Structures are given as structure tokens and as C-alpha cells.
N, C-alpha and C. Protein backbone atom coordinates (compact mmCIF):
# COMPACT_ATOMS: atom_id res chain seq x y z
N MET A 1 -19.01 0.62 7.51
CA MET A 1 -17.74 -0.08 7.36
C MET A 1 -16.82 0.29 8.52
N ILE A 2 -15.93 -0.65 8.87
CA ILE A 2 -15.02 -0.47 10.00
C ILE A 2 -13.64 -0.99 9.60
N ILE A 3 -12.60 -0.22 9.87
CA ILE A 3 -11.22 -0.68 9.70
C ILE A 3 -10.80 -1.31 11.03
N LEU A 4 -10.70 -2.62 11.04
CA LEU A 4 -10.37 -3.31 12.28
C LEU A 4 -8.94 -2.98 12.71
N GLY A 5 -8.72 -3.08 14.02
CA GLY A 5 -7.44 -2.67 14.58
C GLY A 5 -6.24 -3.38 14.01
N ARG A 6 -6.40 -4.62 13.57
CA ARG A 6 -5.24 -5.37 13.06
C ARG A 6 -4.74 -4.83 11.73
N PHE A 7 -5.57 -4.03 11.04
CA PHE A 7 -5.18 -3.49 9.74
C PHE A 7 -4.58 -2.09 9.90
N ASN A 8 -3.71 -1.94 10.85
CA ASN A 8 -3.16 -0.62 11.17
C ASN A 8 -1.98 -0.26 10.28
N GLY A 9 -1.75 1.04 10.19
CA GLY A 9 -0.54 1.57 9.57
C GLY A 9 0.28 2.22 10.66
N PRO A 10 0.40 3.55 10.66
CA PRO A 10 0.97 4.23 11.83
C PRO A 10 0.12 3.92 13.06
N PRO A 11 0.71 3.97 14.24
CA PRO A 11 -0.04 3.61 15.46
C PRO A 11 -1.36 4.37 15.57
N GLY A 12 -2.42 3.62 15.82
CA GLY A 12 -3.72 4.23 16.05
C GLY A 12 -4.52 4.56 14.81
N SER A 13 -4.00 4.23 13.62
CA SER A 13 -4.72 4.53 12.38
C SER A 13 -4.60 3.38 11.41
N GLY A 14 -5.52 3.34 10.45
CA GLY A 14 -5.54 2.26 9.48
C GLY A 14 -4.42 2.37 8.46
N ASN A 15 -3.95 1.22 7.99
CA ASN A 15 -3.02 1.23 6.87
C ASN A 15 -3.68 1.92 5.69
N GLY A 16 -2.95 2.83 5.04
CA GLY A 16 -3.55 3.64 4.00
C GLY A 16 -4.09 2.84 2.84
N GLY A 17 -3.32 1.89 2.34
CA GLY A 17 -3.75 1.10 1.21
C GLY A 17 -4.94 0.23 1.52
N TYR A 18 -4.89 -0.44 2.67
CA TYR A 18 -6.02 -1.29 3.05
C TYR A 18 -7.28 -0.45 3.23
N SER A 19 -7.15 0.65 3.95
CA SER A 19 -8.31 1.51 4.20
C SER A 19 -8.89 2.04 2.89
N ALA A 20 -8.01 2.48 1.98
CA ALA A 20 -8.49 2.99 0.70
C ALA A 20 -9.21 1.90 -0.09
N GLY A 21 -8.71 0.67 -0.01
CA GLY A 21 -9.38 -0.42 -0.68
C GLY A 21 -10.77 -0.68 -0.14
N VAL A 22 -10.93 -0.54 1.17
CA VAL A 22 -12.26 -0.67 1.77
C VAL A 22 -13.15 0.48 1.31
N PHE A 23 -12.62 1.69 1.32
CA PHE A 23 -13.42 2.86 0.94
C PHE A 23 -13.83 2.79 -0.53
N ALA A 24 -12.97 2.26 -1.39
CA ALA A 24 -13.27 2.19 -2.82
C ALA A 24 -14.41 1.22 -3.11
N ALA A 25 -14.55 0.20 -2.29
CA ALA A 25 -15.66 -0.75 -2.40
C ALA A 25 -15.77 -1.36 -3.80
N GLY A 26 -14.61 -1.62 -4.42
CA GLY A 26 -14.60 -2.27 -5.72
C GLY A 26 -14.87 -1.35 -6.89
N LEU A 27 -15.04 -0.07 -6.66
CA LEU A 27 -15.33 0.88 -7.73
C LEU A 27 -14.02 1.44 -8.32
N PRO A 28 -14.03 1.88 -9.58
CA PRO A 28 -12.82 2.46 -10.20
C PRO A 28 -12.61 3.90 -9.76
N VAL A 29 -12.20 4.08 -8.52
CA VAL A 29 -12.04 5.41 -7.96
C VAL A 29 -10.63 5.61 -7.43
N GLU A 30 -10.27 6.87 -7.30
CA GLU A 30 -9.03 7.26 -6.63
C GLU A 30 -9.42 7.78 -5.25
N VAL A 31 -8.72 7.30 -4.24
CA VAL A 31 -9.05 7.63 -2.85
C VAL A 31 -7.99 8.59 -2.32
N THR A 32 -8.43 9.73 -1.82
CA THR A 32 -7.54 10.68 -1.16
C THR A 32 -7.82 10.65 0.33
N LEU A 33 -6.80 10.36 1.11
CA LEU A 33 -6.94 10.31 2.56
C LEU A 33 -6.79 11.73 3.11
N ARG A 34 -7.83 12.21 3.76
CA ARG A 34 -7.81 13.56 4.32
C ARG A 34 -7.26 13.60 5.74
N ARG A 35 -7.29 12.47 6.40
CA ARG A 35 -6.73 12.33 7.74
C ARG A 35 -6.47 10.85 7.99
N PRO A 36 -5.69 10.50 8.99
CA PRO A 36 -5.43 9.08 9.25
C PRO A 36 -6.74 8.32 9.49
N PRO A 37 -6.99 7.23 8.78
CA PRO A 37 -8.23 6.49 8.98
C PRO A 37 -8.32 5.93 10.40
N PRO A 38 -9.40 6.22 11.12
CA PRO A 38 -9.51 5.71 12.48
C PRO A 38 -9.80 4.22 12.50
N LEU A 39 -9.31 3.56 13.51
CA LEU A 39 -9.53 2.13 13.68
C LEU A 39 -10.77 1.86 14.52
N ASP A 40 -11.42 0.73 14.22
CA ASP A 40 -12.55 0.25 15.04
C ASP A 40 -13.63 1.31 15.22
N THR A 41 -13.85 2.07 14.15
CA THR A 41 -14.82 3.17 14.20
C THR A 41 -15.79 3.02 13.03
N PRO A 42 -17.10 3.07 13.24
CA PRO A 42 -18.04 3.00 12.12
C PRO A 42 -17.87 4.20 11.18
N LEU A 43 -17.75 3.91 9.90
CA LEU A 43 -17.57 4.95 8.90
C LEU A 43 -18.66 4.80 7.84
N THR A 44 -19.07 5.92 7.27
CA THR A 44 -20.09 5.89 6.24
C THR A 44 -19.62 6.69 5.03
N THR A 45 -20.15 6.33 3.85
CA THR A 45 -19.83 7.02 2.61
C THR A 45 -21.08 7.69 2.06
N ALA A 46 -20.96 8.98 1.76
CA ALA A 46 -22.05 9.72 1.14
C ALA A 46 -21.45 10.90 0.39
N ASP A 47 -21.99 11.16 -0.80
CA ASP A 47 -21.50 12.28 -1.63
C ASP A 47 -20.00 12.21 -1.85
N ASP A 48 -19.50 10.99 -2.08
CA ASP A 48 -18.08 10.75 -2.37
C ASP A 48 -17.17 11.16 -1.23
N GLU A 49 -17.68 11.10 -0.01
CA GLU A 49 -16.87 11.36 1.18
C GLU A 49 -17.06 10.24 2.19
N VAL A 50 -15.97 9.86 2.82
CA VAL A 50 -16.02 8.90 3.92
C VAL A 50 -15.95 9.70 5.22
N ARG A 51 -16.93 9.49 6.09
CA ARG A 51 -17.04 10.30 7.30
C ARG A 51 -17.15 9.42 8.55
N THR A 52 -16.70 10.00 9.67
CA THR A 52 -16.88 9.39 10.98
C THR A 52 -18.29 9.73 11.49
N PRO A 53 -18.72 9.11 12.59
CA PRO A 53 -20.06 9.42 13.11
C PRO A 53 -20.28 10.90 13.43
N ASP A 54 -19.22 11.63 13.77
CA ASP A 54 -19.40 13.06 14.07
C ASP A 54 -19.27 13.95 12.84
N GLY A 55 -19.15 13.34 11.65
CA GLY A 55 -19.11 14.10 10.41
C GLY A 55 -17.73 14.46 9.91
N THR A 56 -16.70 14.06 10.61
CA THR A 56 -15.34 14.35 10.16
C THR A 56 -15.03 13.60 8.87
N VAL A 57 -14.51 14.31 7.87
CA VAL A 57 -14.17 13.69 6.59
C VAL A 57 -12.83 12.97 6.71
N VAL A 58 -12.85 11.67 6.45
CA VAL A 58 -11.64 10.85 6.51
C VAL A 58 -11.00 10.72 5.14
N ALA A 59 -11.84 10.59 4.10
CA ALA A 59 -11.33 10.40 2.75
C ALA A 59 -12.35 10.90 1.74
N THR A 60 -11.86 11.21 0.55
CA THR A 60 -12.73 11.58 -0.56
C THR A 60 -12.46 10.64 -1.73
N LEU A 61 -13.49 10.43 -2.55
CA LEU A 61 -13.42 9.53 -3.69
C LEU A 61 -13.66 10.31 -4.97
N ALA A 62 -12.92 9.97 -6.01
CA ALA A 62 -13.08 10.61 -7.31
C ALA A 62 -12.83 9.58 -8.40
N PRO A 63 -13.45 9.73 -9.57
CA PRO A 63 -13.19 8.79 -10.65
C PRO A 63 -11.69 8.71 -10.95
N ALA A 64 -11.21 7.49 -11.14
CA ALA A 64 -9.78 7.29 -11.35
C ALA A 64 -9.45 7.27 -12.83
N ASP A 65 -8.41 7.99 -13.22
CA ASP A 65 -7.88 7.87 -14.57
C ASP A 65 -7.23 6.49 -14.72
N PRO A 66 -7.19 5.95 -15.92
CA PRO A 66 -6.53 4.65 -16.12
C PRO A 66 -5.08 4.68 -15.65
N ILE A 67 -4.64 3.59 -15.07
CA ILE A 67 -3.25 3.48 -14.63
C ILE A 67 -2.47 2.86 -15.78
N THR A 68 -1.72 3.68 -16.47
CA THR A 68 -1.06 3.23 -17.70
C THR A 68 0.37 2.74 -17.47
N VAL A 69 0.93 3.01 -16.30
CA VAL A 69 2.31 2.61 -16.02
C VAL A 69 2.32 1.22 -15.40
N ALA A 70 3.10 0.33 -15.98
CA ALA A 70 3.28 -1.01 -15.43
C ALA A 70 4.73 -1.14 -14.96
N VAL A 71 4.95 -1.26 -13.68
CA VAL A 71 6.30 -1.46 -13.17
C VAL A 71 6.77 -2.84 -13.62
N PRO A 72 7.92 -2.94 -14.26
CA PRO A 72 8.36 -4.25 -14.77
C PRO A 72 8.55 -5.26 -13.65
N PRO A 73 8.26 -6.52 -13.93
CA PRO A 73 8.44 -7.55 -12.91
C PRO A 73 9.92 -7.90 -12.71
N VAL A 74 10.18 -8.54 -11.60
CA VAL A 74 11.48 -9.16 -11.36
C VAL A 74 11.23 -10.61 -10.99
N SER A 75 12.25 -11.42 -11.04
CA SER A 75 12.10 -12.83 -10.70
C SER A 75 11.90 -13.00 -9.20
N PRO A 76 11.29 -14.10 -8.79
CA PRO A 76 11.18 -14.36 -7.34
C PRO A 76 12.53 -14.32 -6.63
N ALA A 77 13.56 -14.83 -7.27
CA ALA A 77 14.88 -14.82 -6.64
C ALA A 77 15.39 -13.41 -6.44
N GLU A 78 15.17 -12.54 -7.43
CA GLU A 78 15.58 -11.14 -7.29
C GLU A 78 14.80 -10.45 -6.17
N ALA A 79 13.52 -10.79 -6.05
CA ALA A 79 12.70 -10.19 -4.99
C ALA A 79 13.19 -10.64 -3.61
N VAL A 80 13.53 -11.90 -3.48
CA VAL A 80 14.05 -12.40 -2.20
C VAL A 80 15.36 -11.70 -1.85
N THR A 81 16.24 -11.55 -2.83
CA THR A 81 17.52 -10.88 -2.59
C THR A 81 17.31 -9.43 -2.17
N ALA A 82 16.38 -8.74 -2.85
CA ALA A 82 16.10 -7.35 -2.51
C ALA A 82 15.54 -7.24 -1.10
N ALA A 83 14.61 -8.13 -0.74
CA ALA A 83 13.98 -8.06 0.58
C ALA A 83 14.98 -8.25 1.71
N ALA A 84 16.05 -8.97 1.45
CA ALA A 84 17.07 -9.19 2.48
C ALA A 84 17.74 -7.88 2.88
N THR A 85 17.65 -6.86 2.02
CA THR A 85 18.28 -5.56 2.31
C THR A 85 17.26 -4.54 2.81
N TYR A 86 16.05 -4.96 3.10
CA TYR A 86 14.98 -4.06 3.52
C TYR A 86 15.41 -3.20 4.70
N GLN A 87 15.44 -1.88 4.49
CA GLN A 87 15.93 -1.00 5.55
C GLN A 87 14.97 -0.92 6.73
N GLY A 88 13.71 -1.32 6.51
CA GLY A 88 12.75 -1.30 7.60
C GLY A 88 13.06 -2.27 8.71
N PHE A 89 13.95 -3.22 8.47
CA PHE A 89 14.35 -4.13 9.53
C PHE A 89 15.09 -3.40 10.65
N THR A 90 15.80 -2.34 10.29
CA THR A 90 16.60 -1.62 11.28
C THR A 90 16.16 -0.17 11.48
N ASP A 91 15.42 0.40 10.51
CA ASP A 91 15.02 1.81 10.60
C ASP A 91 13.65 1.95 9.97
N HIS A 92 12.60 1.78 10.77
CA HIS A 92 11.23 1.80 10.26
C HIS A 92 10.43 2.85 11.04
N PRO A 93 9.79 3.81 10.34
CA PRO A 93 9.02 4.83 11.07
C PRO A 93 7.79 4.25 11.76
N PHE A 94 7.24 3.14 11.24
CA PHE A 94 6.03 2.54 11.80
C PHE A 94 6.19 1.02 11.81
N PRO A 95 7.00 0.48 12.70
CA PRO A 95 7.38 -0.94 12.63
C PRO A 95 6.24 -1.93 12.85
N SER A 96 5.08 -1.44 13.30
CA SER A 96 3.95 -2.36 13.47
C SER A 96 2.96 -2.29 12.32
N CYS A 97 3.33 -1.68 11.19
CA CYS A 97 2.44 -1.55 10.03
C CYS A 97 1.97 -2.92 9.57
N TYR A 98 0.70 -3.02 9.26
CA TYR A 98 0.09 -4.29 8.83
C TYR A 98 0.76 -4.84 7.57
N VAL A 99 1.21 -3.97 6.67
CA VAL A 99 1.79 -4.44 5.41
C VAL A 99 3.28 -4.72 5.54
N CYS A 100 4.04 -3.74 5.99
CA CYS A 100 5.50 -3.84 5.90
C CYS A 100 6.20 -3.78 7.25
N GLY A 101 5.45 -3.86 8.33
CA GLY A 101 6.05 -3.77 9.65
C GLY A 101 6.60 -5.10 10.14
N PRO A 102 7.89 -5.18 10.43
CA PRO A 102 8.45 -6.44 10.93
C PRO A 102 7.95 -6.80 12.32
N GLU A 103 7.33 -5.86 13.04
CA GLU A 103 6.85 -6.14 14.39
C GLU A 103 5.36 -6.47 14.44
N HIS A 104 4.68 -6.47 13.28
CA HIS A 104 3.26 -6.83 13.28
C HIS A 104 3.14 -8.36 13.33
N PRO A 105 2.48 -8.90 14.35
CA PRO A 105 2.46 -10.37 14.50
C PRO A 105 1.61 -11.07 13.46
N ASP A 106 0.68 -10.35 12.82
CA ASP A 106 -0.26 -10.98 11.90
C ASP A 106 -0.37 -10.19 10.61
N GLY A 107 0.73 -9.57 10.19
CA GLY A 107 0.69 -8.71 9.02
C GLY A 107 1.01 -9.45 7.73
N LEU A 108 1.07 -8.69 6.63
CA LEU A 108 1.38 -9.28 5.34
C LEU A 108 2.87 -9.58 5.18
N HIS A 109 3.71 -8.93 5.99
CA HIS A 109 5.15 -9.17 5.97
C HIS A 109 5.73 -9.02 4.57
N ILE A 110 5.38 -7.90 3.95
CA ILE A 110 5.97 -7.51 2.67
C ILE A 110 7.10 -6.55 2.98
N PHE A 111 8.34 -6.94 2.65
CA PHE A 111 9.52 -6.18 3.03
C PHE A 111 10.26 -5.73 1.77
N PRO A 112 9.89 -4.55 1.21
CA PRO A 112 10.45 -4.13 -0.07
C PRO A 112 11.88 -3.62 0.05
N GLY A 113 12.78 -4.31 -0.60
CA GLY A 113 14.17 -3.87 -0.64
C GLY A 113 14.46 -3.09 -1.90
N GLN A 114 15.53 -2.31 -1.86
CA GLN A 114 15.88 -1.42 -2.96
C GLN A 114 16.48 -2.18 -4.14
N LEU A 115 16.08 -1.75 -5.34
CA LEU A 115 16.70 -2.17 -6.59
C LEU A 115 17.25 -0.93 -7.27
N PRO A 116 18.16 -1.09 -8.24
CA PRO A 116 18.65 0.09 -8.97
C PRO A 116 17.51 0.85 -9.64
N GLY A 117 17.69 2.16 -9.76
CA GLY A 117 16.72 2.98 -10.46
C GLY A 117 15.51 3.35 -9.64
N ASP A 118 15.69 3.56 -8.33
CA ASP A 118 14.58 3.97 -7.45
C ASP A 118 13.42 2.98 -7.52
N ARG A 119 13.75 1.69 -7.53
CA ARG A 119 12.74 0.65 -7.55
C ARG A 119 12.86 -0.22 -6.30
N THR A 120 11.78 -0.93 -6.00
CA THR A 120 11.77 -1.87 -4.88
C THR A 120 11.16 -3.17 -5.33
N ALA A 121 11.42 -4.22 -4.55
CA ALA A 121 10.81 -5.51 -4.83
C ALA A 121 10.75 -6.32 -3.53
N ALA A 122 9.74 -7.18 -3.46
CA ALA A 122 9.59 -8.05 -2.30
C ALA A 122 8.77 -9.27 -2.69
N PRO A 123 9.09 -10.43 -2.12
CA PRO A 123 8.20 -11.57 -2.27
C PRO A 123 7.02 -11.42 -1.32
N TRP A 124 5.92 -12.07 -1.65
CA TRP A 124 4.74 -12.02 -0.78
C TRP A 124 4.03 -13.37 -0.81
N THR A 125 3.93 -13.98 0.36
CA THR A 125 3.13 -15.19 0.51
C THR A 125 1.70 -14.76 0.82
N VAL A 126 0.79 -15.04 -0.08
CA VAL A 126 -0.59 -14.58 0.03
C VAL A 126 -1.26 -15.24 1.24
N PRO A 127 -1.95 -14.47 2.09
CA PRO A 127 -2.57 -15.04 3.28
C PRO A 127 -3.77 -15.92 2.92
N PRO A 128 -4.22 -16.75 3.86
CA PRO A 128 -5.36 -17.63 3.58
C PRO A 128 -6.63 -16.89 3.18
N GLU A 129 -6.85 -15.72 3.77
CA GLU A 129 -8.01 -14.92 3.41
C GLU A 129 -7.51 -13.67 2.68
N VAL A 130 -7.80 -13.59 1.40
CA VAL A 130 -7.34 -12.45 0.61
C VAL A 130 -8.55 -11.82 -0.07
N THR A 131 -8.65 -10.50 0.05
CA THR A 131 -9.74 -9.72 -0.52
C THR A 131 -9.16 -8.61 -1.39
N VAL A 132 -10.03 -7.87 -2.05
CA VAL A 132 -9.55 -6.73 -2.84
C VAL A 132 -8.82 -5.72 -1.95
N PRO A 133 -9.35 -5.35 -0.77
CA PRO A 133 -8.57 -4.45 0.09
C PRO A 133 -7.21 -5.02 0.50
N THR A 134 -7.09 -6.34 0.62
CA THR A 134 -5.79 -6.94 0.91
C THR A 134 -4.81 -6.61 -0.21
N VAL A 135 -5.26 -6.70 -1.45
CA VAL A 135 -4.39 -6.41 -2.59
C VAL A 135 -4.04 -4.92 -2.63
N TRP A 136 -5.02 -4.04 -2.36
CA TRP A 136 -4.69 -2.61 -2.27
C TRP A 136 -3.60 -2.40 -1.22
N ALA A 137 -3.68 -3.11 -0.11
CA ALA A 137 -2.66 -2.98 0.94
C ALA A 137 -1.30 -3.43 0.42
N ALA A 138 -1.28 -4.56 -0.27
CA ALA A 138 -0.02 -5.08 -0.79
C ALA A 138 0.61 -4.13 -1.79
N LEU A 139 -0.22 -3.36 -2.50
CA LEU A 139 0.27 -2.41 -3.49
C LEU A 139 0.68 -1.07 -2.87
N ASP A 140 0.49 -0.93 -1.59
CA ASP A 140 0.72 0.35 -0.91
C ASP A 140 2.20 0.56 -0.58
N CYS A 141 2.67 -0.12 0.42
CA CYS A 141 4.00 0.17 0.99
C CYS A 141 5.17 -0.03 0.03
N PRO A 142 5.15 -1.00 -0.89
CA PRO A 142 6.30 -1.13 -1.80
C PRO A 142 6.56 0.13 -2.62
N GLY A 143 5.53 0.93 -2.88
CA GLY A 143 5.75 2.21 -3.54
C GLY A 143 6.37 3.23 -2.60
N GLY A 144 5.88 3.25 -1.37
CA GLY A 144 6.40 4.20 -0.40
C GLY A 144 7.88 4.01 -0.13
N TRP A 145 8.30 2.73 -0.09
CA TRP A 145 9.71 2.47 0.21
C TRP A 145 10.65 2.83 -0.94
N ALA A 146 10.10 3.24 -2.07
CA ALA A 146 10.94 3.77 -3.14
C ALA A 146 11.41 5.19 -2.83
N ILE A 147 10.77 5.85 -1.84
CA ILE A 147 11.14 7.22 -1.46
C ILE A 147 11.52 7.34 0.00
N ILE A 148 10.98 6.47 0.86
CA ILE A 148 11.30 6.52 2.29
C ILE A 148 12.79 6.27 2.50
N GLY A 149 13.39 7.06 3.35
CA GLY A 149 14.79 6.88 3.69
C GLY A 149 15.02 7.14 5.16
N PRO A 150 16.23 6.87 5.67
CA PRO A 150 16.52 7.13 7.07
C PRO A 150 16.20 8.57 7.45
N GLY A 151 15.37 8.75 8.46
CA GLY A 151 14.97 10.08 8.88
C GLY A 151 14.09 10.80 7.88
N ARG A 152 13.50 10.06 6.93
CA ARG A 152 12.67 10.65 5.89
C ARG A 152 11.38 9.84 5.74
N PRO A 153 10.50 9.91 6.74
CA PRO A 153 9.26 9.12 6.68
C PRO A 153 8.21 9.75 5.76
N TYR A 154 7.44 8.91 5.13
CA TYR A 154 6.33 9.32 4.28
C TYR A 154 5.09 8.50 4.66
N VAL A 155 3.92 9.04 4.35
CA VAL A 155 2.68 8.29 4.50
C VAL A 155 1.86 8.42 3.21
N LEU A 156 0.96 7.50 3.01
CA LEU A 156 0.13 7.52 1.81
C LEU A 156 -0.84 8.69 1.85
N GLY A 157 -0.95 9.41 0.74
CA GLY A 157 -1.90 10.50 0.64
C GLY A 157 -3.04 10.21 -0.32
N ARG A 158 -2.72 9.50 -1.42
CA ARG A 158 -3.74 9.24 -2.45
C ARG A 158 -3.35 7.97 -3.20
N ILE A 159 -4.35 7.18 -3.58
CA ILE A 159 -4.06 5.93 -4.29
C ILE A 159 -5.24 5.53 -5.16
N ALA A 160 -4.92 4.97 -6.31
CA ALA A 160 -5.88 4.30 -7.17
C ALA A 160 -5.28 2.95 -7.54
N ALA A 161 -6.10 1.92 -7.60
CA ALA A 161 -5.61 0.59 -7.92
C ALA A 161 -6.54 -0.10 -8.90
N GLN A 162 -5.95 -0.95 -9.72
CA GLN A 162 -6.70 -1.79 -10.65
C GLN A 162 -6.35 -3.24 -10.33
N VAL A 163 -7.33 -3.98 -9.83
CA VAL A 163 -7.11 -5.38 -9.46
C VAL A 163 -7.74 -6.24 -10.56
N ARG A 164 -6.89 -6.90 -11.32
CA ARG A 164 -7.39 -7.75 -12.40
C ARG A 164 -7.84 -9.11 -11.88
N THR A 165 -7.01 -9.69 -11.02
CA THR A 165 -7.28 -11.03 -10.50
C THR A 165 -6.76 -11.12 -9.08
N LEU A 166 -7.56 -11.68 -8.18
CA LEU A 166 -7.07 -11.90 -6.83
C LEU A 166 -6.04 -13.03 -6.83
N PRO A 167 -4.96 -12.87 -6.09
CA PRO A 167 -4.01 -13.97 -5.98
C PRO A 167 -4.62 -15.13 -5.19
N VAL A 168 -4.08 -16.30 -5.41
CA VAL A 168 -4.56 -17.50 -4.73
C VAL A 168 -3.88 -17.61 -3.36
N PRO A 169 -4.64 -17.93 -2.30
CA PRO A 169 -4.02 -18.10 -0.99
C PRO A 169 -2.83 -19.06 -1.05
N ASP A 170 -1.79 -18.68 -0.31
CA ASP A 170 -0.54 -19.43 -0.19
C ASP A 170 0.34 -19.36 -1.44
N GLU A 171 -0.09 -18.62 -2.48
CA GLU A 171 0.79 -18.41 -3.62
C GLU A 171 1.99 -17.56 -3.21
N GLN A 172 3.08 -17.73 -3.93
CA GLN A 172 4.27 -16.91 -3.74
C GLN A 172 4.30 -15.87 -4.86
N CYS A 173 3.90 -14.65 -4.53
CA CYS A 173 3.84 -13.57 -5.51
C CYS A 173 5.02 -12.62 -5.34
N VAL A 174 5.11 -11.66 -6.25
CA VAL A 174 6.15 -10.62 -6.19
C VAL A 174 5.46 -9.27 -6.31
N VAL A 175 5.85 -8.35 -5.44
CA VAL A 175 5.37 -6.97 -5.51
C VAL A 175 6.55 -6.07 -5.85
N VAL A 176 6.34 -5.15 -6.78
CA VAL A 176 7.41 -4.22 -7.17
C VAL A 176 6.89 -2.79 -7.08
N GLY A 177 7.79 -1.87 -6.81
CA GLY A 177 7.44 -0.46 -6.74
C GLY A 177 8.48 0.37 -7.46
N ALA A 178 8.09 1.60 -7.83
CA ALA A 178 9.03 2.49 -8.52
C ALA A 178 8.65 3.94 -8.25
N LEU A 179 9.65 4.75 -8.02
CA LEU A 179 9.45 6.19 -7.86
C LEU A 179 9.36 6.83 -9.23
N ALA A 180 8.27 7.57 -9.48
CA ALA A 180 8.09 8.25 -10.76
C ALA A 180 8.55 9.70 -10.72
N ALA A 181 8.26 10.40 -9.62
CA ALA A 181 8.62 11.81 -9.50
C ALA A 181 8.54 12.23 -8.05
N ALA A 182 9.33 13.21 -7.67
CA ALA A 182 9.30 13.75 -6.31
C ALA A 182 9.51 15.25 -6.39
N GLU A 183 8.66 15.98 -5.66
CA GLU A 183 8.79 17.44 -5.62
C GLU A 183 8.30 17.91 -4.26
N GLY A 184 9.16 18.63 -3.55
CA GLY A 184 8.79 19.09 -2.22
C GLY A 184 8.49 17.92 -1.31
N ARG A 185 7.30 17.96 -0.67
CA ARG A 185 6.92 16.89 0.26
C ARG A 185 6.17 15.76 -0.42
N LYS A 186 5.95 15.84 -1.74
CA LYS A 186 5.15 14.84 -2.43
C LYS A 186 6.01 13.94 -3.32
N ALA A 187 5.59 12.68 -3.41
CA ALA A 187 6.25 11.73 -4.30
C ALA A 187 5.19 10.90 -5.02
N LEU A 188 5.34 10.75 -6.32
CA LEU A 188 4.45 9.92 -7.13
C LEU A 188 5.13 8.57 -7.34
N VAL A 189 4.42 7.50 -7.03
CA VAL A 189 4.98 6.15 -7.16
C VAL A 189 4.00 5.24 -7.88
N HIS A 190 4.53 4.15 -8.42
CA HIS A 190 3.71 3.11 -9.02
C HIS A 190 4.11 1.76 -8.43
N THR A 191 3.15 0.85 -8.39
CA THR A 191 3.42 -0.49 -7.89
C THR A 191 2.68 -1.50 -8.76
N ALA A 192 3.12 -2.74 -8.68
CA ALA A 192 2.45 -3.82 -9.41
C ALA A 192 2.63 -5.13 -8.65
N LEU A 193 1.65 -5.99 -8.80
CA LEU A 193 1.66 -7.32 -8.18
C LEU A 193 1.68 -8.37 -9.27
N TYR A 194 2.61 -9.31 -9.17
CA TYR A 194 2.75 -10.37 -10.15
C TYR A 194 2.58 -11.73 -9.49
N GLY A 195 1.91 -12.64 -10.20
CA GLY A 195 1.72 -13.99 -9.72
C GLY A 195 2.96 -14.85 -9.92
N PRO A 196 2.92 -16.08 -9.43
CA PRO A 196 4.10 -16.96 -9.54
C PRO A 196 4.48 -17.27 -10.99
N ASP A 197 3.52 -17.13 -11.91
CA ASP A 197 3.83 -17.37 -13.32
C ASP A 197 4.27 -16.11 -14.05
N GLY A 198 4.41 -15.00 -13.32
CA GLY A 198 4.85 -13.75 -13.92
C GLY A 198 3.73 -12.91 -14.49
N ALA A 199 2.47 -13.37 -14.38
CA ALA A 199 1.35 -12.60 -14.90
C ALA A 199 1.02 -11.46 -13.95
N GLU A 200 0.72 -10.29 -14.52
CA GLU A 200 0.34 -9.15 -13.69
C GLU A 200 -1.07 -9.37 -13.13
N LEU A 201 -1.19 -9.21 -11.81
CA LEU A 201 -2.48 -9.37 -11.14
C LEU A 201 -3.12 -8.04 -10.79
N ALA A 202 -2.30 -7.02 -10.51
CA ALA A 202 -2.84 -5.72 -10.10
C ALA A 202 -1.75 -4.66 -10.23
N ARG A 203 -2.19 -3.41 -10.31
CA ARG A 203 -1.25 -2.28 -10.35
C ARG A 203 -1.87 -1.09 -9.63
N ALA A 204 -1.04 -0.15 -9.22
CA ALA A 204 -1.54 1.02 -8.50
C ALA A 204 -0.68 2.23 -8.80
N ARG A 205 -1.29 3.39 -8.57
CA ARG A 205 -0.62 4.70 -8.67
C ARG A 205 -0.92 5.42 -7.36
N ALA A 206 0.11 6.02 -6.77
CA ALA A 206 -0.10 6.63 -5.46
C ALA A 206 0.75 7.87 -5.27
N THR A 207 0.27 8.76 -4.43
CA THR A 207 1.03 9.92 -3.98
C THR A 207 1.32 9.77 -2.50
N TRP A 208 2.58 9.90 -2.14
CA TRP A 208 3.00 9.82 -0.75
C TRP A 208 3.43 11.21 -0.28
N ILE A 209 3.23 11.46 1.01
CA ILE A 209 3.50 12.78 1.60
C ILE A 209 4.52 12.63 2.73
N ALA A 210 5.56 13.46 2.70
CA ALA A 210 6.55 13.45 3.78
C ALA A 210 5.93 13.99 5.06
N VAL A 211 6.26 13.35 6.17
CA VAL A 211 5.72 13.75 7.47
C VAL A 211 6.85 13.82 8.48
N THR A 212 6.51 14.38 9.64
CA THR A 212 7.43 14.40 10.77
C THR A 212 6.87 13.48 11.84
N VAL A 213 7.69 12.56 12.33
CA VAL A 213 7.23 11.63 13.37
C VAL A 213 8.13 11.78 14.60
């Protein structure tokens, strides 16, 4: 498997959610990123580890506990209003991120704005080609932006996702995120993806780690 360059997160590495979705390969696992996923590099999985050709461990896989938290939906109008306040437009640690980077020319352009109660929301126009890793990606950054702040960058450390139904290309969906707990450099977040009819399509649980950039 290879994480193509267009699916980047921080410069030179794969977006955490997308990469984890590729590593999970449709299995009910939780993916822990041990280092930034390399781009355009052949990777292999053996003994629940994702490795580079030289044997470097990129990620580990473990059975995932059920994701019991469902972040409540918001209306499409509320999501649009929230996205207009997205702080990443003016202060983004990784502005070329495939998911939430305003400078990515071919990204998902999910811009999660703040809602009361440490929550985020954003509208999402589903791309013409959507896969399970695409949905893992969509569930990634909206959770991170529940904790990311000016001068306070975080990156994904661990994620598990449950994809019930793939969204239909060109649908107008809503992604929501919520901060569950924060201690030291770690933050636990939850996210959910809702279709245009308000039905839940997918949900995720993730741990984000504060970094210095």
C-alpha cells in the first residue's frame, strides 16, 4: 500500500485519518500512528504493524472497542455558519492539509468552525471518488479543531472509525466534532458524519497529541 502525495497532512507526511483508514483496510481496528506516515512509499502490514521497506514501524493496529459516543448533528445551515468562522483560514499549522487545509488545491475542504461546548461543525461536499479511507479522513480534522488553538497545534495520534454507509458523491453532508477530555499533551475527541437527511453515516474516536512546529 502507498499513501499518495496528494493525501498529505503536515508537509511531507500523510494525513493521519486518511492514512489510518488505508492501514485499517476495512477491519474493526484502532490505528496508532507511531510516526508521520511517509508519502509515496511502499508500506506493508504484518503482525499488526505497518512498516516501511527498511522495517521502520509507522503504525500499529489493535482491536477497536465499540464507539459508543455519537456527537449530535447540527443543521446544514448551522454547519455553514460555523465554517465561516474557521480559524484555519488565518492561523493554520498545516495549511496544505488534504482534509482541512485552505491551501490544498485538491483537498476535501472541510473547514470546522467552533460551536459552543468545545464542538465543531462543517459542511462537506463529497468528492466524486469516495472510499472508506476518504471517510476516515473526513472524520479526522473536525475532532482536532475542537482542541487546536492559536499557537497550540496538535496532530492525530490514534483513531478508530465505524463507517456505516459511504456518502454519495456530490452530496452535501455535515461533519461534527467534540472534545471529550484533555490532559497534558493529549486530547480525546469524537466526530460524526451525517448525510443530507440527517442520518448518521460514520463516527470516530481519536486521540490527538500537542506538538511543536
